[in-house]
C-alpha atoms as a PDB file:
ATOM      1  CA  MET A   1     -11.892  -2.740 -44.270  1.00  0.00           C
ATOM      2  CA  ASP A   2      -9.907  -0.901 -46.934  1.00  0.00           C
ATOM      3  CA  LEU A   3      -6.982   0.749 -45.197  1.00  0.00           C
ATOM      4  CA  ALA A   4      -5.812   2.378 -48.414  1.00  0.00           C
ATOM      5  CA  VAL A   5      -8.512   5.039 -48.149  1.00  0.00           C
ATOM      6  CA  PRO A   6      -6.836   7.915 -46.239  1.00  0.00           C
ATOM      7  CA  GLY A   7      -9.854   8.920 -44.142  1.00  0.00           C
ATOM      8  CA  ARG A   8     -10.623   5.369 -43.127  1.00  0.00           C
ATOM      9  CA  ARG A   9      -7.009   4.595 -42.297  1.00  0.00           C
ATOM     10  CA  LEU A  10      -6.778   7.596 -39.979  1.00  0.00           C
ATOM     11  CA  SER A  11     -10.098   6.722 -38.328  1.00  0.00           C
ATOM     12  CA  PHE A  12      -8.990   3.122 -37.860  1.00  0.00           C
ATOM     13  CA  LEU A  13      -5.714   4.289 -36.245  1.00  0.00           C
ATOM     14  CA  ARG A  14      -7.586   6.689 -33.971  1.00  0.00           C
ATOM     15  CA  LEU A  15      -9.986   3.932 -32.945  1.00  0.00           C
ATOM     16  CA  ALA A  16      -7.082   1.542 -32.276  1.00  0.00           C
ATOM     17  CA  LEU A  17      -5.271   4.176 -30.202  1.00  0.00           C
ATOM     18  CA  PHE A  18      -8.435   5.046 -28.282  1.00  0.00           C
ATOM     19  CA  CYS A  19      -9.140   1.378 -27.525  1.00  0.00           C
ATOM     20  CA  SER A  20      -5.550   0.793 -26.506  1.00  0.00           C
ATOM     21  CA  LEU A  21      -5.562   3.755 -24.129  1.00  0.00           C
ATOM     22  CA  GLY A  22      -8.964   2.753 -22.760  1.00  0.00           C
ATOM     23  CA  VAL A  23      -7.810  -0.774 -21.992  1.00  0.00           C
ATOM     24  CA  GLN A  24      -4.621   0.565 -20.405  1.00  0.00           C
ATOM     25  CA  PHE A  25      -6.668   2.999 -18.274  1.00  0.00           C
ATOM     26  CA  LEU A  26      -9.045   0.263 -17.136  1.00  0.00           C
ATOM     27  CA  ALA A  27      -6.145  -2.014 -16.321  1.00  0.00           C
ATOM     28  CA  THR A  28      -4.404   0.584 -14.159  1.00  0.00           C
ATOM     29  CA  SER A  29      -7.179   2.689 -12.629  1.00  0.00           C
ATOM     30  CA  ALA A  30      -8.595  -0.021 -10.365  1.00  0.00           C
ATOM     31  CA  TYR A  31      -5.117  -1.021  -9.264  1.00  0.00           C
ATOM     32  CA  ALA A  32      -3.365   2.329  -9.139  1.00  0.00           C
ATOM     33  CA  GLU A  33      -1.162   1.227  -6.253  1.00  0.00           C
ATOM     34  CA  PRO A  34       0.091  -2.334  -6.491  1.00  0.00           C
ATOM     35  CA  ALA A  35      -0.047  -4.356  -3.314  1.00  0.00           C
ATOM     36  CA  ALA A  36       3.177  -4.260  -1.337  1.00  0.00           C
ATOM     37  CA  GLU A  37       5.240  -7.410  -1.228  1.00  0.00           C
ATOM     38  CA  PRO A  38       7.779  -8.616   1.305  1.00  0.00           C
ATOM     39  CA  SER A  39      11.115  -6.983   0.600  1.00  0.00           C
ATOM     40  CA  PRO A  40      14.480  -6.879   2.373  1.00  0.00           C
ATOM     41  CA  GLU A  41      14.205  -3.061   2.328  1.00  0.00           C
ATOM     42  CA  LEU A  42      11.140  -3.039   4.607  1.00  0.00           C
ATOM     43  CA  SER A  43      11.612  -2.706   8.362  1.00  0.00           C
ATOM     44  CA  PRO A  44       9.364  -4.705  10.696  1.00  0.00           C
ATOM     45  CA  GLU A  45       7.522  -1.493  11.606  1.00  0.00           C
ATOM     46  CA  GLN A  46       6.866  -0.749   7.932  1.00  0.00           C
ATOM     47  CA  VAL A  47       5.496  -4.259   7.485  1.00  0.00           C
ATOM     48  CA  VAL A  48       3.023  -3.783  10.355  1.00  0.00           C
ATOM     49  CA  ARG A  49       1.999  -0.350   9.042  1.00  0.00           C
ATOM     50  CA  ILE A  50       1.433  -1.699   5.509  1.00  0.00           C
ATOM     51  CA  GLN A  51      -0.878  -4.360   6.914  1.00  0.00           C
ATOM     52  CA  LEU A  52      -2.786  -2.006   9.216  1.00  0.00           C
ATOM     53  CA  GLU A  53      -3.269   0.607   6.505  1.00  0.00           C
ATOM     54  CA  ALA A  54      -4.531  -2.051   4.105  1.00  0.00           C
ATOM     55  CA  LEU A  55      -7.027  -3.329   6.675  1.00  0.00           C
ATOM     56  CA  ALA A  56      -8.212   0.227   7.421  1.00  0.00           C
ATOM     57  CA  ASP A  57      -9.587   0.346   3.872  1.00  0.00           C
ATOM     58  CA  ASN A  58     -10.146  -3.373   3.425  1.00  0.00           C
ATOM     59  CA  ASP A  59     -12.203  -3.256   0.233  1.00  0.00           C
ATOM     60  CA  ASP A  60      -9.984  -0.876  -1.750  1.00  0.00           C
ATOM     61  CA  PRO A  61      -9.288  -1.465  -4.605  1.00  0.00           C
ATOM     62  CA  SER A  62     -11.332  -4.690  -4.441  1.00  0.00           C
ATOM     63  CA  GLN A  63     -13.254  -6.743  -1.909  1.00  0.00           C
ATOM     64  CA  ASP A  64     -10.939  -7.980   0.882  1.00  0.00           C
ATOM     65  CA  ALA A  65      -7.830  -6.487  -0.735  1.00  0.00           C
ATOM     66  CA  GLY A  66      -6.676  -5.476   2.767  1.00  0.00           C
ATOM     67  CA  ILE A  67      -6.899  -9.043   4.015  1.00  0.00           C
ATOM     68  CA  GLU A  68      -5.007 -10.211   0.927  1.00  0.00           C
ATOM     69  CA  GLN A  69      -2.311  -7.644   1.718  1.00  0.00           C
ATOM     70  CA  VAL A  70      -1.985  -9.039   5.241  1.00  0.00           C
ATOM     71  CA  TRP A  71      -1.790 -12.556   3.790  1.00  0.00           C
ATOM     72  CA  ALA A  72       1.085 -11.445   1.537  1.00  0.00           C
ATOM     73  CA  PHE A  73       3.109 -10.708   4.701  1.00  0.00           C
ATOM     74  CA  ALA A  74       2.091 -13.843   6.607  1.00  0.00           C
ATOM     75  CA  HIS A  75       5.165 -15.864   7.582  1.00  0.00           C
ATOM     76  CA  PRO A  76       5.284 -19.318   5.938  1.00  0.00           C
ATOM     77  CA  ASN A  77       4.709 -20.939   9.374  1.00  0.00           C
ATOM     78  CA  ASN A  78       1.693 -18.671   9.878  1.00  0.00           C
ATOM     79  CA  ARG A  79       0.313 -19.591   6.435  1.00  0.00           C
ATOM     80  CA  GLU A  80       0.690 -23.267   7.260  1.00  0.00           C
ATOM     81  CA  MET A  81      -1.506 -22.831  10.341  1.00  0.00           C
ATOM     82  CA  THR A  82      -4.070 -20.327   9.033  1.00  0.00           C
ATOM     83  CA  GLY A  83      -4.256 -20.945   5.268  1.00  0.00           C
ATOM     84  CA  PRO A  84      -5.328 -21.152   2.595  1.00  0.00           C
ATOM     85  CA  LEU A  85      -6.382 -17.548   1.933  1.00  0.00           C
ATOM     86  CA  GLU A  86     -10.116 -18.353   2.114  1.00  0.00           C
ATOM     87  CA  ARG A  87      -9.712 -19.794   5.613  1.00  0.00           C
ATOM     88  CA  PHE A  88      -7.456 -16.880   6.636  1.00  0.00           C
ATOM     89  CA  THR A  89     -10.133 -14.440   5.384  1.00  0.00           C
ATOM     90  CA  ARG A  90     -12.807 -16.141   7.500  1.00  0.00           C
ATOM     91  CA  MET A  91     -10.496 -15.936  10.513  1.00  0.00           C
ATOM     92  CA  ILE A  92      -9.837 -12.196  10.049  1.00  0.00           C
ATOM     93  CA  LYS A  93     -13.567 -11.545   9.648  1.00  0.00           C
ATOM     94  CA  GLY A  94     -14.276 -13.592  12.775  1.00  0.00           C
ATOM     95  CA  ARG A  95     -14.828 -12.260  16.261  1.00  0.00           C
ATOM     96  CA  ASN A  96     -11.127 -12.170  17.263  1.00  0.00           C
ATOM     97  CA  TYR A  97      -9.915  -9.895  14.449  1.00  0.00           C
ATOM     98  CA  ARG A  98     -12.914  -8.185  12.801  1.00  0.00           C
ATOM     99  CA  THR A  99     -12.194  -4.959  14.695  1.00  0.00           C
ATOM    100  CA  LEU A 100      -9.137  -4.543  12.437  1.00  0.00           C
ATOM    101  CA  ILE A 101     -11.301  -4.368   9.331  1.00  0.00           C
ATOM    102  CA  ASN A 102     -12.041  -0.767   8.340  1.00  0.00           C
ATOM    103  CA  HIS A 103     -10.648   0.582  11.617  1.00  0.00           C
ATOM    104  CA  ARG A 104     -10.447   4.375  11.926  1.00  0.00           C
ATOM    105  CA  SER A 105      -6.883   4.740  13.239  1.00  0.00           C
ATOM    106  CA  TYR A 106      -4.096   2.928  15.011  1.00  0.00           C
ATOM    107  CA  GLU A 107      -1.129   3.488  17.308  1.00  0.00           C
ATOM    108  CA  LEU A 108       2.002   1.394  17.146  1.00  0.00           C
ATOM    109  CA  GLN A 109       4.674   0.889  19.813  1.00  0.00           C
ATOM    110  CA  ARG A 110       7.729  -1.347  19.539  1.00  0.00           C
ATOM    111  CA  VAL A 111       7.947  -3.814  22.421  1.00  0.00           C
ATOM    112  CA  ALA A 112      10.930  -5.910  21.298  1.00  0.00           C
ATOM    113  CA  LEU A 113      13.372  -5.992  18.398  1.00  0.00           C
ATOM    114  CA  SER A 114      16.282  -8.310  17.640  1.00  0.00           C
ATOM    115  CA  ASP A 115      17.946  -9.409  14.420  1.00  0.00           C
ATOM    116  CA  ALA A 116      15.242 -12.008  13.762  1.00  0.00           C
ATOM    117  CA  VAL A 117      12.221 -11.152  15.940  1.00  0.00           C
ATOM    118  CA  ALA A 118      10.071  -8.046  16.432  1.00  0.00           C
ATOM    119  CA  VAL A 119       7.000  -7.434  18.586  1.00  0.00           C
ATOM    120  CA  TYR A 120       4.694  -4.406  18.440  1.00  0.00           C
ATOM    121  CA  ALA A 121       1.818  -3.329  20.646  1.00  0.00           C
ATOM    122  CA  VAL A 122      -0.992  -2.082  18.425  1.00  0.00           C
ATOM    123  CA  ARG A 123      -3.969  -0.051  19.615  1.00  0.00           C
ATOM    124  CA  VAL A 124      -6.799   0.312  17.111  1.00  0.00           C
ATOM    125  CA  LEU A 125      -9.798   2.619  17.086  1.00  0.00           C
ATOM    126  CA  ALA A 126     -12.389   0.306  15.535  1.00  0.00           C
ATOM    127  CA  ALA A 127     -15.219   1.405  13.276  1.00  0.00           C
ATOM    128  CA  ASP A 128     -17.609   1.164  16.263  1.00  0.00           C
ATOM    129  CA  GLY A 129     -15.660   3.780  18.251  1.00  0.00           C
ATOM    130  CA  SER A 130     -14.093   1.315  20.714  1.00  0.00           C
ATOM    131  CA  PHE A 131     -10.382   0.720  21.224  1.00  0.00           C
ATOM    132  CA  TYR A 132      -8.773  -2.704  20.938  1.00  0.00           C
ATOM    133  CA  GLY A 133      -5.251  -3.908  21.622  1.00  0.00           C
ATOM    134  CA  PHE A 134      -3.212  -6.446  19.685  1.00  0.00           C
ATOM    135  CA  SER A 135       0.259  -7.891  19.961  1.00  0.00           C
ATOM    136  CA  TRP A 136       1.838  -8.136  16.477  1.00  0.00           C
ATOM    137  CA  HIS A 137       4.756 -10.598  16.195  1.00  0.00           C
ATOM    138  CA  LEU A 138       7.162 -10.759  13.262  1.00  0.00           C
ATOM    139  CA  ARG A 139      10.100 -12.957  12.371  1.00  0.00           C
ATOM    140  CA  THR A 140      12.496 -12.903   9.472  1.00  0.00           C
ATOM    141  CA  ALA A 141      11.986 -15.402   6.664  1.00  0.00           C
ATOM    142  CA  GLU A 142      14.188 -16.320   3.749  1.00  0.00           C
ATOM    143  CA  ILE A 143      12.305 -16.011   0.452  1.00  0.00           C
ATOM    144  CA  SER A 144      13.428 -15.580  -3.149  1.00  0.00           C
ATOM    145  CA  ALA A 145      13.763 -11.798  -2.603  1.00  0.00           C
ATOM    146  CA  GLY A 146      16.083 -12.374   0.368  1.00  0.00           C
ATOM    147  CA  GLU A 147      15.593 -12.114   4.131  1.00  0.00           C
ATOM    148  CA  VAL A 148      12.333 -10.299   4.887  1.00  0.00           C
ATOM    149  CA  TRP A 149      10.129  -9.502   7.872  1.00  0.00           C
ATOM    150  CA  MET A 150       6.846 -11.414   8.002  1.00  0.00           C
ATOM    151  CA  THR A 151       4.046 -11.731  10.554  1.00  0.00           C
ATOM    152  CA  THR A 152       4.079 -14.899  12.635  1.00  0.00           C
ATOM    153  CA  ILE A 153       1.153 -14.182  14.944  1.00  0.00           C
ATOM    154  CA  VAL A 154      -1.286 -11.460  15.923  1.00  0.00           C
ATOM    155  CA  SER A 155      -3.001 -11.861  19.270  1.00  0.00           C
ATOM    156  CA  PRO A 156      -6.820 -11.798  19.279  1.00  0.00           C
ATOM    157  CA  ALA A 157      -8.422  -8.409  19.928  1.00  0.00           C
ATOM    158  CA  GLU A 158      -8.444  -7.261  23.528  1.00  0.00           C
ATOM    159  CA  ASP A 159     -11.070  -4.678  24.356  1.00  0.00           C
ATOM    160  CA  THR A 160      -9.279  -1.892  26.238  1.00  0.00           C
ATOM    161  CA  GLY A 161     -12.548  -0.653  27.745  1.00  0.00           C
ATOM    162  CA  GLU A 162     -11.984   2.748  26.167  1.00  0.00           C
ATOM    163  CA  GLN A 163     -14.393   4.408  23.791  1.00  0.00           C
ATOM    164  CA  ILE A 164     -14.503   7.761  22.116  1.00  0.00           C
ATOM    165  CA  SER A 165     -17.083  10.185  23.462  1.00  0.00           C
ATOM    166  CA  GLN A 166     -20.581  10.580  22.045  1.00  0.00           C
ATOM    167  CA  LEU A 167     -19.544  13.990  20.653  1.00  0.00           C
ATOM    168  CA  GLU A 168     -16.519  12.479  18.925  1.00  0.00           C
ATOM    169  CA  ARG A 169     -18.729   9.653  17.606  1.00  0.00           C
ATOM    170  CA  SER A 170     -21.173  12.088  16.027  1.00  0.00           C
ATOM    171  CA  ASN A 171     -18.330  14.200  14.589  1.00  0.00           C
ATOM    172  CA  LEU A 172     -16.851  11.074  13.004  1.00  0.00           C
ATOM    173  CA  GLY A 173     -20.236   9.837  11.791  1.00  0.00           C
ATOM    174  CA  ILE A 174     -20.108   6.659  13.861  1.00  0.00           C
ATOM    175  CA  VAL A 175     -23.474   5.015  14.256  1.00  0.00           C
ATOM    176  CA  ALA A 176     -24.005   2.457  17.006  1.00  0.00           C
ATOM    177  CA  GLN A 177     -24.187  -1.066  15.574  1.00  0.00           C
ATOM    178  CA  ALA A 178     -25.806  -4.105  17.096  1.00  0.00           C
ATOM    179  CA  ASP A 179     -23.757  -7.310  17.155  1.00  0.00           C
END
């Protein structure tokens, strides 16, 4: 290509700029918000909220991104017991934790907090309209970023026996699902 020809040179530059912007757009649009990482600035409550919010929209921006976000905050001892990620994903999608995936809302209450340990009671409104309780345990861990809060254990789902009403179900667009 002869870049000395003024019209061609300008067209080539426009094409290069367009391609560059297009690649940059594609690289950032699917991942507009980077996944959160453990940080000394995050409180234990923020860590639990980050995980719950990621699981509420599990497949955004990609399949199982919510589960991957939870894995990012799994304490090293937790990872040792539940990893690698593929095994952890199967566990979260299993009967004890699947109600967390794409849940509609959650409530969080601190049960215990010390310098190194935190426990939260979590109540989730699952996609099926039923409520489930969890006990979310965190402990500090020393990583390259410093001392951070990470999840050590989450109790299996406990059905609270509560459900939203049929009217609320229809207003929310919840359709009964067979197991």
